[in-house]
Amino acid sequence: MLKIAIVEDNIFLQRAIREKLSIDSNLSIRFCAGNGIEALEKLENHRIDLMLMDIEMPKMDGIAAVMSVKASYPLVKVIMLTVFDNDENIFKAIKAGADGYFLKDVSPEELCRGIHETMQGGAAMTPSIAAKTLRLLRDPEAFKNVERHQDFALSAREVEVLDLLSKGLTYSAIADTLFLSVSTIRKHIENIYGKLQVHNKLEAIHKAKNNGIF
């Protein structure tokens, strides 16, 4: 029986992940946490084999949490389970010590199979993530470029909002997708324009793509 922890700040997504794992009787969910700090606190009282880790969370995000978990509990496996598939987040997750990387639309069967593969020493990933990872590993310059892109200081949430904006979604549709209010989305976009030093959506998308932000 593998002992699993879910680290995700959205209670509805916590439930969705629980449902996906329920198809495998060999997986036991020991606790859920809403951020990295809470996860580390609960790890003190629970023996865990593997954690499913979101990236964008309050107090301590998933990247920082992976680094802390690996430093204190090196035998605990960590799979990133997130909506973010941009190079920067993949790069940061790899550097932090993540053992696998799945997008949240992963099927229950693929997620459970990936957990077992990871426990056996593999590096389970969504195919698109694996392809990007290979590209980063094959091209050392790509790693350098990703590190330089951090100068814009966009948060993971801002990158996600901008990515959805680039796909033609309206503010309302982005808000529904991310379970946020339209006013919050507007504020994120205002911050994005300021950090990228642009004045409209097309300029922001163009600058983001040219700099490998997504």
C-alpha atoms as a PDB file:
ATOM      1  CA  MET A   1       0.000   0.000   0.000  1.00  0.00           C
ATOM      2  CA  LEU A   2       1.534   3.297  -1.107  1.00  0.00           C
ATOM      3  CA  LYS A   3       0.909   6.288   1.145  1.00  0.00           C
ATOM      4  CA  ILE A   4       0.019   9.418  -0.831  1.00  0.00           C
ATOM      5  CA  ALA A   5      -0.294  13.107   0.079  1.00  0.00           C
ATOM      6  CA  ILE A   6      -2.100  15.697  -2.049  1.00  0.00           C
ATOM      7  CA  VAL A   7      -0.832  19.275  -1.884  1.00  0.00           C
ATOM      8  CA  GLU A   8      -3.379  21.497  -3.633  1.00  0.00           C
ATOM      9  CA  ASP A   9      -5.026  24.726  -2.484  1.00  0.00           C
ATOM     10  CA  ASN A  10      -8.249  24.254  -4.467  1.00  0.00           C
ATOM     11  CA  ILE A  11     -10.609  22.025  -2.479  1.00  0.00           C
ATOM     12  CA  PHE A  12     -12.545  21.022  -5.609  1.00  0.00           C
ATOM     13  CA  LEU A  13      -9.353  19.893  -7.338  1.00  0.00           C
ATOM     14  CA  GLN A  14      -8.342  18.012  -4.183  1.00  0.00           C
ATOM     15  CA  ARG A  15     -11.569  16.054  -4.497  1.00  0.00           C
ATOM     16  CA  ALA A  16     -11.011  15.469  -8.209  1.00  0.00           C
ATOM     17  CA  ILE A  17      -7.547  14.056  -7.522  1.00  0.00           C
ATOM     18  CA  ARG A  18      -8.948  11.839  -4.768  1.00  0.00           C
ATOM     19  CA  GLU A  19     -11.487  10.466  -7.227  1.00  0.00           C
ATOM     20  CA  LYS A  20      -8.770   9.711  -9.780  1.00  0.00           C
ATOM     21  CA  LEU A  21      -6.702   7.830  -7.210  1.00  0.00           C
ATOM     22  CA  SER A  22      -9.719   5.879  -5.956  1.00  0.00           C
ATOM     23  CA  ILE A  23      -9.496   3.490  -8.919  1.00  0.00           C
ATOM     24  CA  ASP A  24      -6.300   1.999  -7.462  1.00  0.00           C
ATOM     25  CA  SER A  25      -6.801   0.060  -4.226  1.00  0.00           C
ATOM     26  CA  ASN A  26      -3.034   0.061  -3.646  1.00  0.00           C
ATOM     27  CA  LEU A  27      -2.982   3.822  -3.076  1.00  0.00           C
ATOM     28  CA  SER A  28      -3.889   5.269   0.311  1.00  0.00           C
ATOM     29  CA  ILE A  29      -4.348   9.032   0.703  1.00  0.00           C
ATOM     30  CA  ARG A  30      -2.937   9.956   4.114  1.00  0.00           C
ATOM     31  CA  PHE A  31      -3.508  13.714   4.031  1.00  0.00           C
ATOM     32  CA  CYS A  32      -4.231  16.775   1.922  1.00  0.00           C
ATOM     33  CA  ALA A  33      -2.595  20.181   2.366  1.00  0.00           C
ATOM     34  CA  GLY A  34      -3.421  23.596   0.937  1.00  0.00           C
ATOM     35  CA  ASN A  35       0.150  24.876   0.634  1.00  0.00           C
ATOM     36  CA  GLY A  36       3.785  23.904   1.102  1.00  0.00           C
ATOM     37  CA  ILE A  37       4.015  25.021   4.716  1.00  0.00           C
ATOM     38  CA  GLU A  38       1.001  22.955   5.731  1.00  0.00           C
ATOM     39  CA  ALA A  39       2.393  19.955   3.838  1.00  0.00           C
ATOM     40  CA  LEU A  40       5.734  20.164   5.670  1.00  0.00           C
ATOM     41  CA  GLU A  41       3.955  20.431   9.010  1.00  0.00           C
ATOM     42  CA  LYS A  42       1.865  17.342   8.277  1.00  0.00           C
ATOM     43  CA  LEU A  43       4.911  15.405   7.090  1.00  0.00           C
ATOM     44  CA  GLU A  44       6.244  15.560  10.632  1.00  0.00           C
ATOM     45  CA  ASN A  45       3.409  13.264  11.749  1.00  0.00           C
ATOM     46  CA  HIS A  46       2.802  11.112   8.680  1.00  0.00           C
ATOM     47  CA  ARG A  47       4.977   8.647   6.804  1.00  0.00           C
ATOM     48  CA  ILE A  48       4.463   9.352   3.109  1.00  0.00           C
ATOM     49  CA  ASP A  49       5.796   7.567   0.032  1.00  0.00           C
ATOM     50  CA  LEU A  50       4.786  10.110  -2.602  1.00  0.00           C
ATOM     51  CA  MET A  51       3.310  13.606  -2.833  1.00  0.00           C
ATOM     52  CA  LEU A  52       1.254  15.078  -5.659  1.00  0.00           C
ATOM     53  CA  MET A  53       2.237  18.751  -5.681  1.00  0.00           C
ATOM     54  CA  ASP A  54       0.536  21.787  -7.223  1.00  0.00           C
ATOM     55  CA  ILE A  55       2.724  24.751  -8.214  1.00  0.00           C
ATOM     56  CA  GLU A  56       0.678  27.900  -7.602  1.00  0.00           C
ATOM     57  CA  MET A  57      -0.271  27.979  -3.915  1.00  0.00           C
ATOM     58  CA  PRO A  58      -0.351  30.616  -1.161  1.00  0.00           C
ATOM     59  CA  LYS A  59       2.276  30.921   1.614  1.00  0.00           C
ATOM     60  CA  MET A  60       4.686  28.451  -0.012  1.00  0.00           C
ATOM     61  CA  ASP A  61       4.361  27.424  -3.658  1.00  0.00           C
ATOM     62  CA  GLY A  62       5.042  23.984  -5.059  1.00  0.00           C
ATOM     63  CA  ILE A  63       8.563  24.659  -6.292  1.00  0.00           C
ATOM     64  CA  ALA A  64       9.738  25.884  -2.891  1.00  0.00           C
ATOM     65  CA  ALA A  65       7.867  23.024  -1.229  1.00  0.00           C
ATOM     66  CA  VAL A  66       9.610  20.399  -3.387  1.00  0.00           C
ATOM     67  CA  MET A  67      13.002  21.802  -2.411  1.00  0.00           C
ATOM     68  CA  SER A  68      12.081  21.710   1.277  1.00  0.00           C
ATOM     69  CA  VAL A  69      10.622  18.211   1.100  1.00  0.00           C
ATOM     70  CA  LYS A  70      13.688  16.845  -0.694  1.00  0.00           C
ATOM     71  CA  ALA A  71      16.012  18.515   1.804  1.00  0.00           C
ATOM     72  CA  SER A  72      14.252  17.057   4.842  1.00  0.00           C
ATOM     73  CA  TYR A  73      12.692  13.873   3.430  1.00  0.00           C
ATOM     74  CA  PRO A  74      14.884  12.746   0.507  1.00  0.00           C
ATOM     75  CA  LEU A  75      13.134   9.380   0.177  1.00  0.00           C
ATOM     76  CA  VAL A  76       9.718  10.970  -0.441  1.00  0.00           C
ATOM     77  CA  LYS A  77       8.882  11.059  -4.137  1.00  0.00           C
ATOM     78  CA  VAL A  78       7.214  14.183  -5.535  1.00  0.00           C
ATOM     79  CA  ILE A  79       5.165  14.419  -8.720  1.00  0.00           C
ATOM     80  CA  MET A  80       4.140  17.878  -9.870  1.00  0.00           C
ATOM     81  CA  LEU A  81       0.437  17.895 -10.751  1.00  0.00           C
ATOM     82  CA  THR A  82      -0.324  21.248 -12.304  1.00  0.00           C
ATOM     83  CA  VAL A  83      -1.851  23.182 -15.194  1.00  0.00           C
ATOM     84  CA  PHE A  84       1.502  24.847 -15.957  1.00  0.00           C
ATOM     85  CA  ASP A  85       3.442  23.379 -18.886  1.00  0.00           C
ATOM     86  CA  ASN A  86       5.740  26.297 -19.690  1.00  0.00           C
ATOM     87  CA  ASP A  87       9.500  25.811 -19.831  1.00  0.00           C
ATOM     88  CA  GLU A  88      10.189  27.922 -16.749  1.00  0.00           C
ATOM     89  CA  ASN A  89       8.060  25.811 -14.443  1.00  0.00           C
ATOM     90  CA  ILE A  90       9.363  22.547 -15.873  1.00  0.00           C
ATOM     91  CA  PHE A  91      12.926  23.826 -15.452  1.00  0.00           C
ATOM     92  CA  LYS A  92      12.305  24.997 -11.880  1.00  0.00           C
ATOM     93  CA  ALA A  93      10.608  21.723 -10.948  1.00  0.00           C
ATOM     94  CA  ILE A  94      13.506  19.659 -12.285  1.00  0.00           C
ATOM     95  CA  LYS A  95      16.044  21.803 -10.437  1.00  0.00           C
ATOM     96  CA  ALA A  96      13.999  21.561  -7.247  1.00  0.00           C
ATOM     97  CA  GLY A  97      14.081  17.765  -7.397  1.00  0.00           C
ATOM     98  CA  ALA A  98      10.660  16.766  -8.740  1.00  0.00           C
ATOM     99  CA  ASP A  99      10.462  13.078  -9.683  1.00  0.00           C
ATOM    100  CA  GLY A 100       7.637  13.454 -12.201  1.00  0.00           C
ATOM    101  CA  TYR A 101       5.411  16.049 -13.857  1.00  0.00           C
ATOM    102  CA  PHE A 102       1.771  15.624 -14.894  1.00  0.00           C
ATOM    103  CA  LEU A 103      -0.823  18.087 -16.094  1.00  0.00           C
ATOM    104  CA  LYS A 104      -4.094  18.102 -14.154  1.00  0.00           C
ATOM    105  CA  ASP A 105      -6.091  16.745 -17.079  1.00  0.00           C
ATOM    106  CA  VAL A 106      -4.197  13.451 -16.789  1.00  0.00           C
ATOM    107  CA  SER A 107      -6.484  10.419 -16.819  1.00  0.00           C
ATOM    108  CA  PRO A 108      -6.958   8.402 -13.614  1.00  0.00           C
ATOM    109  CA  GLU A 109      -5.277   5.391 -15.210  1.00  0.00           C
ATOM    110  CA  GLU A 110      -2.236   7.359 -16.380  1.00  0.00           C
ATOM    111  CA  LEU A 111      -1.848   9.116 -13.027  1.00  0.00           C
ATOM    112  CA  CYS A 112      -1.985   5.890 -11.020  1.00  0.00           C
ATOM    113  CA  ARG A 113       0.375   4.165 -13.433  1.00  0.00           C
ATOM    114  CA  GLY A 114       2.736   7.137 -13.189  1.00  0.00           C
ATOM    115  CA  ILE A 115       2.760   6.936  -9.402  1.00  0.00           C
ATOM    116  CA  HIS A 116       3.831   3.298  -9.493  1.00  0.00           C
ATOM    117  CA  GLU A 117       6.448   4.005 -12.180  1.00  0.00           C
ATOM    118  CA  THR A 118       7.877   6.836 -10.080  1.00  0.00           C
ATOM    119  CA  MET A 119       8.058   4.622  -6.988  1.00  0.00           C
ATOM    120  CA  GLN A 120      10.003   2.105  -9.068  1.00  0.00           C
ATOM    121  CA  GLY A 121      12.580   4.728  -9.998  1.00  0.00           C
ATOM    122  CA  GLY A 122      11.051   6.093 -13.176  1.00  0.00           C
ATOM    123  CA  ALA A 123      10.239   9.691 -14.073  1.00  0.00           C
ATOM    124  CA  ALA A 124       6.587   9.706 -15.068  1.00  0.00           C
ATOM    125  CA  MET A 125       5.474  12.667 -17.167  1.00  0.00           C
ATOM    126  CA  THR A 126       2.683  13.847 -19.413  1.00  0.00           C
ATOM    127  CA  PRO A 127       3.990  13.222 -22.977  1.00  0.00           C
ATOM    128  CA  SER A 128       4.068  16.932 -23.845  1.00  0.00           C
ATOM    129  CA  ILE A 129       6.041  17.645 -20.666  1.00  0.00           C
ATOM    130  CA  ALA A 130       8.481  14.822 -21.436  1.00  0.00           C
ATOM    131  CA  ALA A 131       9.068  16.275 -24.901  1.00  0.00           C
ATOM    132  CA  LYS A 132       9.806  19.726 -23.463  1.00  0.00           C
ATOM    133  CA  THR A 133      12.093  18.223 -20.838  1.00  0.00           C
ATOM    134  CA  LEU A 134      14.085  16.362 -23.481  1.00  0.00           C
ATOM    135  CA  ARG A 135      14.410  19.554 -25.488  1.00  0.00           C
ATOM    136  CA  LEU A 136      15.716  21.411 -22.452  1.00  0.00           C
ATOM    137  CA  LEU A 137      18.195  18.639 -21.674  1.00  0.00           C
ATOM    138  CA  ARG A 138      19.418  18.435 -25.264  1.00  0.00           C
ATOM    139  CA  ASP A 139      19.862  22.185 -25.601  1.00  0.00           C
ATOM    140  CA  PRO A 140      21.940  23.698 -22.766  1.00  0.00           C
ATOM    141  CA  GLU A 141      21.198  27.159 -24.151  1.00  0.00           C
ATOM    142  CA  ALA A 142      17.507  26.556 -23.483  1.00  0.00           C
ATOM    143  CA  PHE A 143      18.273  26.218 -19.785  1.00  0.00           C
ATOM    144  CA  LYS A 144      20.185  29.485 -19.828  1.00  0.00           C
ATOM    145  CA  ASN A 145      17.349  31.205 -21.662  1.00  0.00           C
ATOM    146  CA  VAL A 146      14.783  29.950 -19.156  1.00  0.00           C
ATOM    147  CA  GLU A 147      16.863  31.332 -16.311  1.00  0.00           C
ATOM    148  CA  ARG A 148      17.148  34.702 -18.041  1.00  0.00           C
ATOM    149  CA  HIS A 149      13.382  34.811 -18.577  1.00  0.00           C
ATOM    150  CA  GLN A 150      12.874  34.914 -14.841  1.00  0.00           C
ATOM    151  CA  ASP A 151      13.965  38.548 -14.942  1.00  0.00           C
ATOM    152  CA  PHE A 152      10.390  39.507 -15.817  1.00  0.00           C
ATOM    153  CA  ALA A 153       9.346  38.118 -12.429  1.00  0.00           C
ATOM    154  CA  LEU A 154       5.968  36.892 -13.627  1.00  0.00           C
ATOM    155  CA  SER A 155       4.307  34.691 -11.039  1.00  0.00           C
ATOM    156  CA  ALA A 156       3.125  31.221 -12.006  1.00  0.00           C
ATOM    157  CA  ARG A 157      -0.465  32.464 -11.923  1.00  0.00           C
ATOM    158  CA  GLU A 158       0.372  35.412 -14.189  1.00  0.00           C
ATOM    159  CA  VAL A 159       2.027  33.060 -16.680  1.00  0.00           C
ATOM    160  CA  GLU A 160      -1.068  30.882 -16.626  1.00  0.00           C
ATOM    161  CA  VAL A 161      -3.376  33.863 -17.194  1.00  0.00           C
ATOM    162  CA  LEU A 162      -1.237  35.126 -20.068  1.00  0.00           C
ATOM    163  CA  ASP A 163      -1.101  31.679 -21.639  1.00  0.00           C
ATOM    164  CA  LEU A 164      -4.888  31.401 -21.557  1.00  0.00           C
ATOM    165  CA  LEU A 165      -5.153  34.922 -22.934  1.00  0.00           C
ATOM    166  CA  SER A 166      -2.901  33.911 -25.831  1.00  0.00           C
ATOM    167  CA  LYS A 167      -5.295  31.079 -26.649  1.00  0.00           C
ATOM    168  CA  GLY A 168      -8.101  33.561 -27.243  1.00  0.00           C
ATOM    169  CA  LEU A 169     -10.028  33.123 -24.008  1.00  0.00           C
ATOM    170  CA  THR A 170     -12.025  36.082 -22.749  1.00  0.00           C
ATOM    171  CA  TYR A 171     -11.492  37.485 -19.261  1.00  0.00           C
ATOM    172  CA  SER A 172     -14.698  35.761 -18.196  1.00  0.00           C
ATOM    173  CA  ALA A 173     -13.616  32.400 -19.631  1.00  0.00           C
ATOM    174  CA  ILE A 174     -10.199  32.677 -17.965  1.00  0.00           C
ATOM    175  CA  ALA A 175     -11.898  33.493 -14.664  1.00  0.00           C
ATOM    176  CA  ASP A 176     -14.128  30.409 -14.980  1.00  0.00           C
ATOM    177  CA  THR A 177     -11.183  28.193 -15.906  1.00  0.00           C
ATOM    178  CA  LEU A 178      -9.114  29.296 -12.931  1.00  0.00           C
ATOM    179  CA  PHE A 179     -12.002  29.590 -10.459  1.00  0.00           C
ATOM    180  CA  LEU A 180     -11.275  33.295  -9.996  1.00  0.00           C
ATOM    181  CA  SER A 181     -13.289  36.489 -10.368  1.00  0.00           C
ATOM    182  CA  VAL A 182     -13.112  38.628 -13.505  1.00  0.00           C
ATOM    183  CA  SER A 183     -11.772  41.525 -11.421  1.00  0.00           C
ATOM    184  CA  THR A 184      -8.920  39.315 -10.205  1.00  0.00           C
ATOM    185  CA  ILE A 185      -8.098  38.353 -13.782  1.00  0.00           C
ATOM    186  CA  ARG A 186      -8.059  42.032 -14.764  1.00  0.00           C
ATOM    187  CA  LYS A 187      -5.643  42.751 -11.916  1.00  0.00           C
ATOM    188  CA  HIS A 188      -3.355  39.905 -13.002  1.00  0.00           C
ATOM    189  CA  ILE A 189      -3.333  41.225 -16.575  1.00  0.00           C
ATOM    190  CA  GLU A 190      -2.594  44.739 -15.334  1.00  0.00           C
ATOM    191  CA  ASN A 191       0.390  43.344 -13.410  1.00  0.00           C
ATOM    192  CA  ILE A 192       1.529  41.362 -16.462  1.00  0.00           C
ATOM    193  CA  TYR A 193       1.507  44.475 -18.670  1.00  0.00           C
ATOM    194  CA  GLY A 194       3.507  46.351 -16.061  1.00  0.00           C
ATOM    195  CA  LYS A 195       6.150  43.653 -15.637  1.00  0.00           C
ATOM    196  CA  LEU A 196       6.537  43.085 -19.384  1.00  0.00           C
ATOM    197  CA  GLN A 197       6.368  46.837 -20.059  1.00  0.00           C
ATOM    198  CA  VAL A 198       3.705  46.478 -22.747  1.00  0.00           C
ATOM    199  CA  HIS A 199       0.410  48.211 -23.381  1.00  0.00           C
ATOM    200  CA  ASN A 200      -1.903  45.592 -24.846  1.00  0.00           C
ATOM    201  CA  LYS A 201      -2.619  41.888 -25.205  1.00  0.00           C
ATOM    202  CA  LEU A 202      -0.839  41.416 -28.544  1.00  0.00           C
ATOM    203  CA  GLU A 203       2.354  43.045 -27.282  1.00  0.00           C
ATOM    204  CA  ALA A 204       2.264  40.923 -24.124  1.00  0.00           C
ATOM    205  CA  ILE A 205       1.749  37.657 -26.006  1.00  0.00           C
ATOM    206  CA  HIS A 206       4.444  38.522 -28.553  1.00  0.00           C
ATOM    207  CA  LYS A 207       6.982  39.416 -25.866  1.00  0.00           C
ATOM    208  CA  ALA A 208       6.140  36.329 -23.808  1.00  0.00           C
ATOM    209  CA  LYS A 209       6.576  33.973 -26.773  1.00  0.00           C
ATOM    210  CA  ASN A 210       9.798  35.634 -27.916  1.00  0.00           C
ATOM    211  CA  ASN A 211      11.240  35.202 -24.441  1.00  0.00           C
ATOM    212  CA  GLY A 212      10.115  31.616 -23.971  1.00  0.00           C
ATOM    213  CA  ILE A 213       7.721  32.379 -21.115  1.00  0.00           C
ATOM    214  CA  PHE A 214       5.336  29.860 -22.718  1.00  0.00           C
END
